[in-house]
């Protein structure tokens, strides 16, 4: 999948206008659905976190939540 250059997803999450839906029994799991459009995202898990990409709204990394 080609990830767009858009930062719309990251901007919306970091500003607090939208949040990822988190399951109570799995609070550290990576999000699977884009909170802006409802499409499934491509998720890559690594030992240090995760990276989620929406085909329309761009990329978001778990490390950005820690800052």
PDB file of N, CA and C in Angstrom:
ATOM      1  N   UNK A   1       0.843  -1.187   0.000  1.00  0.00           N
ATOM      2  CA  UNK A   1       0.000   0.000   0.000  1.00  0.00           C
ATOM      3  C   UNK A   1       0.877   1.234   0.000  1.00  0.00           C
ATOM      4  N   UNK A   2       0.500   2.177  -0.793  1.00  0.00           N
ATOM      5  CA  UNK A   2       1.203   3.454  -0.833  1.00  0.00           C
ATOM      6  C   UNK A   2       0.583   4.375   0.212  1.00  0.00           C
ATOM      7  N   UNK A   3       1.415   4.865   1.125  1.00  0.00           N
ATOM      8  CA  UNK A   3       0.930   5.736   2.195  1.00  0.00           C
ATOM      9  C   UNK A   3       0.982   7.181   1.700  1.00  0.00           C
ATOM     10  N   UNK A   4      -0.123   7.921   1.790  1.00  0.00           N
ATOM     11  CA  UNK A   4      -0.116   9.305   1.329  1.00  0.00           C
ATOM     12  C   UNK A   4       0.754  10.188   2.213  1.00  0.00           C
ATOM     13  N   UNK A   5       1.166  11.307   1.680  1.00  0.00           N
ATOM     14  CA  UNK A   5       1.988  12.270   2.405  1.00  0.00           C
ATOM     15  C   UNK A   5       1.171  13.055   3.441  1.00  0.00           C
ATOM     16  N   UNK A   6      -0.114  12.837   3.492  1.00  0.00           N
ATOM     17  CA  UNK A   6      -1.003  13.554   4.410  1.00  0.00           C
ATOM     18  C   UNK A   6      -0.625  13.332   5.868  1.00  0.00           C
ATOM     19  N   UNK A   7      -0.730  14.376   6.653  1.00  0.00           N
ATOM     20  CA  UNK A   7      -0.512  14.278   8.101  1.00  0.00           C
ATOM     21  C   UNK A   7      -1.817  14.480   8.859  1.00  0.00           C
ATOM     22  N   UNK A   8      -2.935  14.340   8.144  1.00  0.00           N
ATOM     23  CA  UNK A   8      -4.255  14.606   8.726  1.00  0.00           C
ATOM     24  C   UNK A   8      -4.553  13.706   9.930  1.00  0.00           C
ATOM     25  N   UNK A   9      -4.208  12.424   9.838  1.00  0.00           N
ATOM     26  CA  UNK A   9      -4.453  11.493  10.944  1.00  0.00           C
ATOM     27  C   UNK A   9      -3.617  11.869  12.156  1.00  0.00           C
ATOM     28  N   UNK A  10      -2.334  12.089  11.965  1.00  0.00           N
ATOM     29  CA  UNK A  10      -1.445  12.453  13.075  1.00  0.00           C
ATOM     30  C   UNK A  10      -1.873  13.781  13.696  1.00  0.00           C
ATOM     31  N   UNK A  11      -2.210  14.760  12.887  1.00  0.00           N
ATOM     32  CA  UNK A  11      -2.631  16.065  13.403  1.00  0.00           C
ATOM     33  C   UNK A  11      -3.897  15.947  14.250  1.00  0.00           C
ATOM     34  N   UNK A  12      -4.856  15.155  13.782  1.00  0.00           N
ATOM     35  CA  UNK A  12      -6.122  15.003  14.507  1.00  0.00           C
ATOM     36  C   UNK A  12      -5.923  14.302  15.844  1.00  0.00           C
ATOM     37  N   UNK A  13      -5.089  13.280  15.870  1.00  0.00           N
ATOM     38  CA  UNK A  13      -4.874  12.533  17.116  1.00  0.00           C
ATOM     39  C   UNK A  13      -4.050  13.344  18.106  1.00  0.00           C
ATOM     40  N   UNK A  14      -2.986  13.954  17.642  1.00  0.00           N
ATOM     41  CA  UNK A  14      -2.118  14.713  18.543  1.00  0.00           C
ATOM     42  C   UNK A  14      -2.783  15.981  19.073  1.00  0.00           C
ATOM     43  N   UNK A  15      -3.736  16.531  18.334  1.00  0.00           N
ATOM     44  CA  UNK A  15      -4.455  17.711  18.815  1.00  0.00           C
ATOM     45  C   UNK A  15      -5.547  17.331  19.818  1.00  0.00           C
ATOM     46  N   UNK A  16      -5.930  16.047  19.825  1.00  0.00           N
ATOM     47  CA  UNK A  16      -6.960  15.589  20.756  1.00  0.00           C
ATOM     48  C   UNK A  16      -8.363  15.647  20.198  1.00  0.00           C
ATOM     49  N   UNK A  17      -8.521  16.016  18.931  1.00  0.00           N
ATOM     50  CA  UNK A  17      -9.869  16.111  18.369  1.00  0.00           C
ATOM     51  C   UNK A  17     -10.484  14.737  18.096  1.00  0.00           C
ATOM     52  N   UNK A  18      -9.655  13.709  17.900  1.00  0.00           N
ATOM     53  CA  UNK A  18     -10.130  12.326  17.776  1.00  0.00           C
ATOM     54  C   UNK A  18      -9.211  11.410  18.570  1.00  0.00           C
ATOM     55  N   UNK A  19      -9.736  10.250  18.913  1.00  0.00           N
ATOM     56  CA  UNK A  19      -8.933   9.258  19.626  1.00  0.00           C
ATOM     57  C   UNK A  19      -9.157   7.893  18.996  1.00  0.00           C
ATOM     58  N   UNK A  20      -8.240   6.984  19.247  1.00  0.00           N
ATOM     59  CA  UNK A  20      -8.403   5.610  18.811  1.00  0.00           C
ATOM     60  C   UNK A  20      -9.318   4.910  19.797  1.00  0.00           C
ATOM     61  N   UNK A  21     -10.162   4.017  19.285  1.00  0.00           N
ATOM     62  CA  UNK A  21     -10.968   3.201  20.191  1.00  0.00           C
ATOM     63  C   UNK A  21     -10.071   2.098  20.736  1.00  0.00           C
ATOM     64  N   UNK A  22     -10.030   1.974  22.050  1.00  0.00           N
ATOM     65  CA  UNK A  22      -9.150   1.020  22.710  1.00  0.00           C
ATOM     66  C   UNK A  22     -10.001   0.015  23.477  1.00  0.00           C
ATOM     67  N   UNK A  23      -9.696  -1.261  23.287  1.00  0.00           N
ATOM     68  CA  UNK A  23     -10.409  -2.295  24.040  1.00  0.00           C
ATOM     69  C   UNK A  23      -9.892  -2.301  25.474  1.00  0.00           C
ATOM     70  N   UNK A  24     -10.775  -2.480  26.425  1.00  0.00           N
ATOM     71  CA  UNK A  24     -10.407  -2.461  27.844  1.00  0.00           C
ATOM     72  C   UNK A  24      -9.449  -3.593  28.211  1.00  0.00           C
ATOM     73  N   UNK A  25      -9.613  -4.742  27.573  1.00  0.00           N
ATOM     74  CA  UNK A  25      -8.744  -5.872  27.895  1.00  0.00           C
ATOM     75  C   UNK A  25      -7.420  -5.856  27.133  1.00  0.00           C
ATOM     76  N   UNK A  26      -7.251  -4.925  26.175  1.00  0.00           N
ATOM     77  CA  UNK A  26      -6.017  -4.820  25.397  1.00  0.00           C
ATOM     78  C   UNK A  26      -5.644  -3.356  25.182  1.00  0.00           C
ATOM     79  N   UNK A  27      -5.294  -2.628  26.219  1.00  0.00           N
ATOM     80  CA  UNK A  27      -5.053  -1.182  26.095  1.00  0.00           C
ATOM     81  C   UNK A  27      -3.814  -0.807  25.278  1.00  0.00           C
ATOM     82  N   UNK A  28      -2.864  -1.731  25.113  1.00  0.00           N
ATOM     83  CA  UNK A  28      -1.644  -1.406  24.375  1.00  0.00           C
ATOM     84  C   UNK A  28      -1.642  -1.949  22.951  1.00  0.00           C
ATOM     85  N   UNK A  29      -2.761  -2.484  22.502  1.00  0.00           N
ATOM     86  CA  UNK A  29      -2.861  -3.030  21.161  1.00  0.00           C
ATOM     87  C   UNK A  29      -2.906  -1.893  20.140  1.00  0.00           C
ATOM     88  N   UNK A  30      -2.404  -2.147  18.961  1.00  0.00           N
ATOM     89  CA  UNK A  30      -2.408  -1.146  17.889  1.00  0.00           C
ATOM     90  C   UNK A  30      -3.819  -0.962  17.335  1.00  0.00           C
ATOM     91  N   UNK A  31      -4.167   0.243  16.926  1.00  0.00           N
ATOM     92  CA  UNK A  31      -5.492   0.477  16.346  1.00  0.00           C
ATOM     93  C   UNK A  31      -5.588  -0.180  14.974  1.00  0.00           C
ATOM     94  N   UNK A  32      -6.746  -0.648  14.624  1.00  0.00           N
ATOM     95  CA  UNK A  32      -6.942  -1.320  13.333  1.00  0.00           C
ATOM     96  C   UNK A  32      -7.848  -0.538  12.390  1.00  0.00           C
ATOM     97  N   UNK A  33      -8.564   0.453  12.906  1.00  0.00           N
ATOM     98  CA  UNK A  33      -9.526   1.215  12.105  1.00  0.00           C
ATOM     99  C   UNK A  33      -9.208   2.705  12.229  1.00  0.00           C
ATOM    100  N   UNK A  34      -9.210   3.408  11.104  1.00  0.00           N
ATOM    101  CA  UNK A  34      -8.950   4.846  11.110  1.00  0.00           C
ATOM    102  C   UNK A  34     -10.108   5.570  11.803  1.00  0.00           C
ATOM    103  N   UNK A  35      -9.820   6.422  12.788  1.00  0.00           N
ATOM    104  CA  UNK A  35     -10.897   7.127  13.481  1.00  0.00           C
ATOM    105  C   UNK A  35     -11.529   8.234  12.634  1.00  0.00           C
ATOM    106  N   UNK A  36     -10.908   8.613  11.533  1.00  0.00           N
ATOM    107  CA  UNK A  36     -11.454   9.677  10.687  1.00  0.00           C
ATOM    108  C   UNK A  36     -12.416   9.153   9.624  1.00  0.00           C
ATOM    109  N   UNK A  37     -12.093   7.989   9.025  1.00  0.00           N
ATOM    110  CA  UNK A  37     -12.933   7.514   7.923  1.00  0.00           C
ATOM    111  C   UNK A  37     -13.510   6.114   8.138  1.00  0.00           C
ATOM    112  N   UNK A  38     -13.027   5.387   9.143  1.00  0.00           N
ATOM    113  CA  UNK A  38     -13.551   4.063   9.425  1.00  0.00           C
ATOM    114  C   UNK A  38     -12.962   2.948   8.573  1.00  0.00           C
ATOM    115  N   UNK A  39     -11.989   3.255   7.741  1.00  0.00           N
ATOM    116  CA  UNK A  39     -11.345   2.223   6.929  1.00  0.00           C
ATOM    117  C   UNK A  39     -10.349   1.449   7.767  1.00  0.00           C
ATOM    118  N   UNK A  40     -10.110   0.188   7.371  1.00  0.00           N
ATOM    119  CA  UNK A  40      -9.072  -0.608   8.036  1.00  0.00           C
ATOM    120  C   UNK A  40      -7.712  -0.044   7.668  1.00  0.00           C
ATOM    121  N   UNK A  41      -6.821  -0.029   8.656  1.00  0.00           N
ATOM    122  CA  UNK A  41      -5.477   0.485   8.440  1.00  0.00           C
ATOM    123  C   UNK A  41      -4.483  -0.663   8.340  1.00  0.00           C
ATOM    124  N   UNK A  42      -3.382  -0.413   7.656  1.00  0.00           N
ATOM    125  CA  UNK A  42      -2.278  -1.365   7.605  1.00  0.00           C
ATOM    126  C   UNK A  42      -1.440  -1.109   8.848  1.00  0.00           C
ATOM    127  N   UNK A  43      -1.228  -2.152   9.664  1.00  0.00           N
ATOM    128  CA  UNK A  43      -0.517  -1.993  10.932  1.00  0.00           C
ATOM    129  C   UNK A  43       0.742  -2.846  10.916  1.00  0.00           C
ATOM    130  N   UNK A  44       1.839  -2.231  11.325  1.00  0.00           N
ATOM    131  CA  UNK A  44       3.102  -2.949  11.460  1.00  0.00           C
ATOM    132  C   UNK A  44       3.511  -2.890  12.924  1.00  0.00           C
ATOM    133  N   UNK A  45       3.767  -4.046  13.500  1.00  0.00           N
ATOM    134  CA  UNK A  45       4.171  -4.145  14.898  1.00  0.00           C
ATOM    135  C   UNK A  45       5.666  -4.425  14.944  1.00  0.00           C
ATOM    136  N   UNK A  46       6.374  -3.734  15.836  1.00  0.00           N
ATOM    137  CA  UNK A  46       7.787  -4.023  16.054  1.00  0.00           C
ATOM    138  C   UNK A  46       8.023  -4.099  17.560  1.00  0.00           C
ATOM    139  N   UNK A  47       9.206  -4.491  18.008  1.00  0.00           N
ATOM    140  CA  UNK A  47       9.441  -4.639  19.446  1.00  0.00           C
ATOM    141  C   UNK A  47       9.307  -3.343  20.249  1.00  0.00           C
ATOM    142  N   UNK A  48       9.352  -2.223  19.580  1.00  0.00           N
ATOM    143  CA  UNK A  48       9.323  -0.939  20.275  1.00  0.00           C
ATOM    144  C   UNK A  48       7.996  -0.209  20.175  1.00  0.00           C
ATOM    145  N   UNK A  49       7.067  -0.705  19.385  1.00  0.00           N
ATOM    146  CA  UNK A  49       5.776  -0.043  19.230  1.00  0.00           C
ATOM    147  C   UNK A  49       5.067  -0.519  17.973  1.00  0.00           C
ATOM    148  N   UNK A  50       4.263   0.366  17.376  1.00  0.00           N
ATOM    149  CA  UNK A  50       3.521   0.031  16.177  1.00  0.00           C
ATOM    150  C   UNK A  50       3.441   1.240  15.256  1.00  0.00           C
ATOM    151  N   UNK A  51       3.060   0.971  14.013  1.00  0.00           N
ATOM    152  CA  UNK A  51       2.883   1.999  12.998  1.00  0.00           C
ATOM    153  C   UNK A  51       1.598   1.661  12.254  1.00  0.00           C
ATOM    154  N   UNK A  52       0.686   2.601  12.174  1.00  0.00           N
ATOM    155  CA  UNK A  52      -0.595   2.378  11.499  1.00  0.00           C
ATOM    156  C   UNK A  52      -0.730   3.375  10.353  1.00  0.00           C
ATOM    157  N   UNK A  53      -1.166   2.888   9.190  1.00  0.00           N
ATOM    158  CA  UNK A  53      -1.288   3.745   8.018  1.00  0.00           C
ATOM    159  C   UNK A  53      -2.678   3.626   7.408  1.00  0.00           C
ATOM    160  N   UNK A  54      -3.306   4.771   7.240  1.00  0.00           N
ATOM    161  CA  UNK A  54      -4.595   4.847   6.552  1.00  0.00           C
ATOM    162  C   UNK A  54      -4.307   5.229   5.099  1.00  0.00           C
ATOM    163  N   UNK A  55      -4.998   4.616   4.158  1.00  0.00           N
ATOM    164  CA  UNK A  55      -4.754   4.895   2.747  1.00  0.00           C
ATOM    165  C   UNK A  55      -5.165   6.307   2.343  1.00  0.00           C
ATOM    166  N   UNK A  56      -5.939   6.982   3.167  1.00  0.00           N
ATOM    167  CA  UNK A  56      -6.370   8.352   2.858  1.00  0.00           C
ATOM    168  C   UNK A  56      -5.776   9.415   3.776  1.00  0.00           C
ATOM    169  N   UNK A  57      -5.557   9.073   5.042  1.00  0.00           N
ATOM    170  CA  UNK A  57      -5.181  10.098   6.018  1.00  0.00           C
ATOM    171  C   UNK A  57      -3.751  10.030   6.515  1.00  0.00           C
ATOM    172  N   UNK A  58      -2.972   9.085   6.046  1.00  0.00           N
ATOM    173  CA  UNK A  58      -1.560   9.052   6.373  1.00  0.00           C
ATOM    174  C   UNK A  58      -1.170   8.109   7.484  1.00  0.00           C
ATOM    175  N   UNK A  59      -0.014   8.384   8.059  1.00  0.00           N
ATOM    176  CA  UNK A  59       0.661   7.496   8.987  1.00  0.00           C
ATOM    177  C   UNK A  59       0.582   7.999  10.421  1.00  0.00           C
ATOM    178  N   UNK A  60       0.574   7.043  11.363  1.00  0.00           N
ATOM    179  CA  UNK A  60       0.673   7.387  12.780  1.00  0.00           C
ATOM    180  C   UNK A  60       1.502   6.333  13.480  1.00  0.00           C
ATOM    181  N   UNK A  61       2.416   6.762  14.338  1.00  0.00           N
ATOM    182  CA  UNK A  61       3.287   5.847  15.073  1.00  0.00           C
ATOM    183  C   UNK A  61       3.018   5.955  16.566  1.00  0.00           C
ATOM    184  N   UNK A  62       3.146   4.833  17.263  1.00  0.00           N
ATOM    185  CA  UNK A  62       2.886   4.802  18.707  1.00  0.00           C
ATOM    186  C   UNK A  62       3.847   5.698  19.474  1.00  0.00           C
ATOM    187  N   UNK A  63       5.061   5.866  18.988  1.00  0.00           N
ATOM    188  CA  UNK A  63       6.035   6.704  19.686  1.00  0.00           C
ATOM    189  C   UNK A  63       5.597   8.169  19.755  1.00  0.00           C
ATOM    190  N   UNK A  64       4.739   8.584  18.826  1.00  0.00           N
ATOM    191  CA  UNK A  64       4.249   9.968  18.858  1.00  0.00           C
ATOM    192  C   UNK A  64       3.303  10.210  20.017  1.00  0.00           C
ATOM    193  N   UNK A  65       2.669   9.164  20.559  1.00  0.00           N
ATOM    194  CA  UNK A  65       1.791   9.304  21.717  1.00  0.00           C
ATOM    195  C   UNK A  65       2.576   9.552  23.002  1.00  0.00           C
ATOM    196  N   UNK A  66       3.823   9.120  23.019  1.00  0.00           N
ATOM    197  CA  UNK A  66       4.653   9.241  24.219  1.00  0.00           C
ATOM    198  C   UNK A  66       5.238  10.627  24.390  1.00  0.00           C
ATOM    199  N   UNK A  67       5.195  11.445  23.372  1.00  0.00           N
ATOM    200  CA  UNK A  67       5.807  12.776  23.444  1.00  0.00           C
ATOM    201  C   UNK A  67       4.861  13.805  23.962  1.00  0.00           C
TER     202      UNK A  67
END
